[in-house]
Amino acid sequence: MKWTDVKKEITSISPEDKNLIELMALLASIRKEKNMTQKELAEKVHVSQAQIARLENFSYVPSLKTVTKIADGLNLEITFVDKNTKQPVRN
């Protein structure tokens, strides 16, 4: 089952938790698209492979610092998007 189908059926959790799950699923998906193993990502960002696995299995909520490290390890930049305009917020 695809994540887009799963998230439509999730109704019993808060919007914040749903966003966290979506973020973790996105990070896992991008890691896989880059043909990177959990171990490779963990070594690159200096966390344990078990920590990456728990994050991807939704059994661990990482700190913002850890999310930032993982994003950097996947060559991603964290940005905020205005909900109304759908445009990235720049300072």
N, C-alpha and C. Protein backbone atom coordinates (compact mmCIF):
# COMPACT_ATOMS: atom_id res chain seq x y z
N MET A 1 0.84 -1.17 0.00
CA MET A 1 0.00 0.00 0.00
C MET A 1 0.89 1.24 0.00
N LYS A 2 0.54 2.23 -0.79
CA LYS A 2 1.32 3.47 -0.89
C LYS A 2 0.99 4.40 0.26
N TRP A 3 1.98 5.24 0.62
CA TRP A 3 1.80 6.18 1.71
C TRP A 3 0.61 7.10 1.46
N THR A 4 0.39 7.53 0.22
CA THR A 4 -0.73 8.43 -0.07
C THR A 4 -2.06 7.78 0.28
N ASP A 5 -2.16 6.47 0.10
CA ASP A 5 -3.39 5.74 0.46
C ASP A 5 -3.51 5.60 1.98
N VAL A 6 -2.39 5.31 2.62
CA VAL A 6 -2.40 5.12 4.07
C VAL A 6 -2.80 6.41 4.77
N LYS A 7 -2.19 7.54 4.37
CA LYS A 7 -2.46 8.78 5.10
C LYS A 7 -3.90 9.25 4.94
N LYS A 8 -4.57 8.88 3.86
CA LYS A 8 -5.99 9.21 3.70
C LYS A 8 -6.84 8.49 4.73
N GLU A 9 -6.39 7.31 5.14
CA GLU A 9 -7.17 6.49 6.07
C GLU A 9 -6.85 6.77 7.54
N ILE A 10 -5.81 7.54 7.79
CA ILE A 10 -5.45 7.86 9.16
C ILE A 10 -6.35 9.00 9.64
N THR A 11 -7.22 8.69 10.59
CA THR A 11 -8.12 9.71 11.09
C THR A 11 -8.08 9.84 12.61
N SER A 12 -7.47 8.90 13.28
CA SER A 12 -7.51 8.88 14.74
C SER A 12 -6.31 9.55 15.41
N ILE A 13 -5.46 10.21 14.65
CA ILE A 13 -4.32 10.88 15.26
C ILE A 13 -4.39 12.38 14.97
N SER A 14 -3.65 13.13 15.74
CA SER A 14 -3.65 14.58 15.59
C SER A 14 -2.97 14.98 14.28
N PRO A 15 -3.29 16.18 13.79
CA PRO A 15 -2.62 16.67 12.58
C PRO A 15 -1.10 16.75 12.78
N GLU A 16 -0.66 17.07 13.98
CA GLU A 16 0.78 17.17 14.25
C GLU A 16 1.45 15.81 14.12
N ASP A 17 0.81 14.78 14.71
CA ASP A 17 1.37 13.43 14.60
C ASP A 17 1.34 12.94 13.16
N LYS A 18 0.30 13.27 12.44
CA LYS A 18 0.20 12.89 11.04
C LYS A 18 1.34 13.53 10.24
N ASN A 19 1.65 14.79 10.53
CA ASN A 19 2.75 15.47 9.86
C ASN A 19 4.09 14.82 10.18
N LEU A 20 4.27 14.41 11.45
CA LEU A 20 5.51 13.72 11.83
C LEU A 20 5.66 12.41 11.07
N ILE A 21 4.58 11.64 10.99
CA ILE A 21 4.62 10.37 10.26
C ILE A 21 4.94 10.62 8.79
N GLU A 22 4.32 11.65 8.23
CA GLU A 22 4.57 11.96 6.83
C GLU A 22 6.04 12.35 6.61
N LEU A 23 6.60 13.11 7.53
CA LEU A 23 8.01 13.50 7.42
C LEU A 23 8.92 12.28 7.49
N MET A 24 8.67 11.39 8.44
CA MET A 24 9.50 10.20 8.58
C MET A 24 9.40 9.30 7.34
N ALA A 25 8.18 9.17 6.81
CA ALA A 25 7.98 8.37 5.59
C ALA A 25 8.70 9.00 4.41
N LEU A 26 8.68 10.32 4.34
CA LEU A 26 9.38 11.01 3.25
C LEU A 26 10.88 10.81 3.34
N LEU A 27 11.43 10.94 4.53
CA LEU A 27 12.87 10.73 4.69
C LEU A 27 13.27 9.31 4.31
N ALA A 28 12.47 8.32 4.72
CA ALA A 28 12.75 6.92 4.36
C ALA A 28 12.67 6.73 2.85
N SER A 29 11.67 7.32 2.23
CA SER A 29 11.50 7.20 0.79
C SER A 29 12.67 7.81 0.03
N ILE A 30 13.11 8.97 0.47
CA ILE A 30 14.24 9.63 -0.21
C ILE A 30 15.51 8.82 -0.02
N ARG A 31 15.71 8.27 1.18
CA ARG A 31 16.89 7.43 1.41
C ARG A 31 16.90 6.27 0.44
N LYS A 32 15.74 5.63 0.27
CA LYS A 32 15.65 4.48 -0.63
C LYS A 32 15.85 4.89 -2.09
N GLU A 33 15.30 6.04 -2.48
CA GLU A 33 15.48 6.54 -3.85
C GLU A 33 16.96 6.78 -4.16
N LYS A 34 17.71 7.16 -3.14
CA LYS A 34 19.14 7.42 -3.31
C LYS A 34 19.97 6.13 -3.18
N ASN A 35 19.27 4.99 -3.08
CA ASN A 35 19.94 3.69 -2.95
C ASN A 35 20.93 3.67 -1.80
N MET A 36 20.51 4.28 -0.69
CA MET A 36 21.35 4.34 0.49
C MET A 36 20.75 3.41 1.56
N THR A 37 21.58 2.61 2.18
CA THR A 37 21.08 1.75 3.25
C THR A 37 20.93 2.57 4.53
N GLN A 38 20.19 2.01 5.47
CA GLN A 38 20.06 2.66 6.78
C GLN A 38 21.44 2.81 7.42
N LYS A 39 22.25 1.79 7.28
CA LYS A 39 23.59 1.82 7.87
C LYS A 39 24.44 2.92 7.25
N GLU A 40 24.38 3.05 5.93
CA GLU A 40 25.16 4.10 5.26
C GLU A 40 24.73 5.49 5.72
N LEU A 41 23.42 5.71 5.80
CA LEU A 41 22.92 7.00 6.25
C LEU A 41 23.34 7.25 7.70
N ALA A 42 23.19 6.24 8.54
CA ALA A 42 23.55 6.37 9.95
C ALA A 42 25.02 6.75 10.11
N GLU A 43 25.89 6.08 9.36
CA GLU A 43 27.32 6.38 9.44
C GLU A 43 27.61 7.80 8.95
N LYS A 44 26.91 8.22 7.93
CA LYS A 44 27.13 9.55 7.35
C LYS A 44 26.74 10.66 8.33
N VAL A 45 25.68 10.43 9.11
CA VAL A 45 25.18 11.48 10.01
C VAL A 45 25.52 11.22 11.48
N HIS A 46 26.29 10.18 11.74
CA HIS A 46 26.79 9.86 13.09
C HIS A 46 25.68 9.56 14.09
N VAL A 47 24.76 8.69 13.66
CA VAL A 47 23.75 8.12 14.55
C VAL A 47 23.80 6.61 14.35
N SER A 48 23.07 5.87 15.16
CA SER A 48 23.08 4.42 14.99
C SER A 48 22.10 3.99 13.89
N GLN A 49 22.38 2.83 13.30
CA GLN A 49 21.47 2.27 12.31
C GLN A 49 20.13 1.98 12.96
N ALA A 50 20.16 1.55 14.22
CA ALA A 50 18.91 1.27 14.94
C ALA A 50 18.06 2.53 15.07
N GLN A 51 18.70 3.66 15.26
CA GLN A 51 17.97 4.93 15.36
C GLN A 51 17.27 5.26 14.04
N ILE A 52 17.94 5.02 12.92
CA ILE A 52 17.32 5.25 11.60
C ILE A 52 16.14 4.28 11.43
N ALA A 53 16.34 3.03 11.80
CA ALA A 53 15.27 2.03 11.67
C ALA A 53 14.06 2.42 12.51
N ARG A 54 14.29 2.83 13.76
CA ARG A 54 13.17 3.24 14.63
C ARG A 54 12.44 4.45 14.06
N LEU A 55 13.18 5.39 13.52
CA LEU A 55 12.58 6.56 12.89
C LEU A 55 11.69 6.13 11.73
N GLU A 56 12.20 5.25 10.88
CA GLU A 56 11.45 4.81 9.70
C GLU A 56 10.27 3.91 10.06
N ASN A 57 10.31 3.30 11.23
CA ASN A 57 9.20 2.45 11.68
C ASN A 57 8.23 3.21 12.57
N PHE A 58 8.43 4.51 12.69
CA PHE A 58 7.56 5.40 13.47
C PHE A 58 7.53 5.04 14.95
N SER A 59 8.59 4.43 15.46
CA SER A 59 8.62 4.08 16.87
C SER A 59 9.54 5.04 17.64
N TYR A 60 9.98 6.09 16.99
CA TYR A 60 10.92 7.03 17.60
C TYR A 60 10.65 8.39 16.97
N VAL A 61 10.52 9.40 17.81
CA VAL A 61 10.36 10.77 17.31
C VAL A 61 11.70 11.47 17.52
N PRO A 62 12.40 11.76 16.43
CA PRO A 62 13.72 12.36 16.57
C PRO A 62 13.63 13.83 16.95
N SER A 63 14.71 14.32 17.52
CA SER A 63 14.80 15.75 17.82
C SER A 63 14.98 16.52 16.51
N LEU A 64 14.76 17.81 16.57
CA LEU A 64 14.97 18.65 15.39
C LEU A 64 16.42 18.56 14.93
N LYS A 65 17.34 18.47 15.90
CA LYS A 65 18.76 18.34 15.56
C LYS A 65 19.01 17.07 14.74
N THR A 66 18.39 15.96 15.14
CA THR A 66 18.56 14.70 14.41
C THR A 66 17.93 14.78 13.03
N VAL A 67 16.74 15.36 12.93
CA VAL A 67 16.09 15.51 11.63
C VAL A 67 16.97 16.35 10.70
N THR A 68 17.54 17.41 11.24
CA THR A 68 18.42 18.27 10.45
C THR A 68 19.65 17.51 9.97
N LYS A 69 20.24 16.69 10.84
CA LYS A 69 21.41 15.89 10.46
C LYS A 69 21.04 14.90 9.35
N ILE A 70 19.88 14.26 9.50
CA ILE A 70 19.45 13.28 8.50
C ILE A 70 19.16 13.96 7.17
N ALA A 71 18.49 15.10 7.22
CA ALA A 71 18.22 15.85 5.99
C ALA A 71 19.52 16.23 5.31
N ASP A 72 20.47 16.71 6.08
CA ASP A 72 21.77 17.07 5.52
C ASP A 72 22.46 15.86 4.91
N GLY A 73 22.36 14.71 5.59
CA GLY A 73 22.95 13.48 5.07
C GLY A 73 22.32 13.02 3.77
N LEU A 74 21.09 13.44 3.53
CA LEU A 74 20.39 13.12 2.27
C LEU A 74 20.48 14.26 1.27
N ASN A 75 21.32 15.25 1.58
CA ASN A 75 21.50 16.43 0.74
C ASN A 75 20.20 17.20 0.55
N LEU A 76 19.46 17.36 1.66
CA LEU A 76 18.20 18.09 1.65
C LEU A 76 18.34 19.34 2.50
N GLU A 77 17.55 20.33 2.17
CA GLU A 77 17.48 21.56 2.94
C GLU A 77 16.09 21.66 3.55
N ILE A 78 16.01 21.96 4.83
CA ILE A 78 14.72 22.13 5.49
C ILE A 78 14.25 23.55 5.29
N THR A 79 13.04 23.69 4.76
CA THR A 79 12.46 25.01 4.54
C THR A 79 11.03 25.02 5.04
N PHE A 80 10.51 26.22 5.23
CA PHE A 80 9.10 26.38 5.59
C PHE A 80 8.36 26.85 4.36
N VAL A 81 7.12 26.35 4.22
CA VAL A 81 6.29 26.72 3.08
C VAL A 81 5.02 27.37 3.61
N ASP A 82 4.69 28.52 3.05
CA ASP A 82 3.46 29.22 3.42
C ASP A 82 2.27 28.38 2.97
N LYS A 83 1.35 28.07 3.89
CA LYS A 83 0.21 27.23 3.56
C LYS A 83 -0.70 27.85 2.51
N ASN A 84 -0.81 29.15 2.51
CA ASN A 84 -1.71 29.82 1.57
C ASN A 84 -1.12 29.94 0.18
N THR A 85 0.12 30.37 0.11
CA THR A 85 0.73 30.62 -1.20
C THR A 85 1.49 29.42 -1.75
N LYS A 86 1.80 28.46 -0.86
CA LYS A 86 2.59 27.29 -1.22
C LYS A 86 4.02 27.66 -1.64
N GLN A 87 4.45 28.85 -1.26
CA GLN A 87 5.79 29.33 -1.60
C GLN A 87 6.73 29.18 -0.41
N PRO A 88 8.00 28.86 -0.67
CA PRO A 88 8.96 28.79 0.43
C PRO A 88 9.09 30.16 1.11
N VAL A 89 9.23 30.12 2.42
CA VAL A 89 9.40 31.36 3.18
C VAL A 89 10.88 31.67 3.22
N ARG A 90 11.23 32.85 2.80
CA ARG A 90 12.63 33.29 2.79
C ARG A 90 12.79 34.43 3.77
N ASN A 91 13.94 34.48 4.39
CA ASN A 91 14.21 35.54 5.35
C ASN A 91 14.94 36.68 4.69
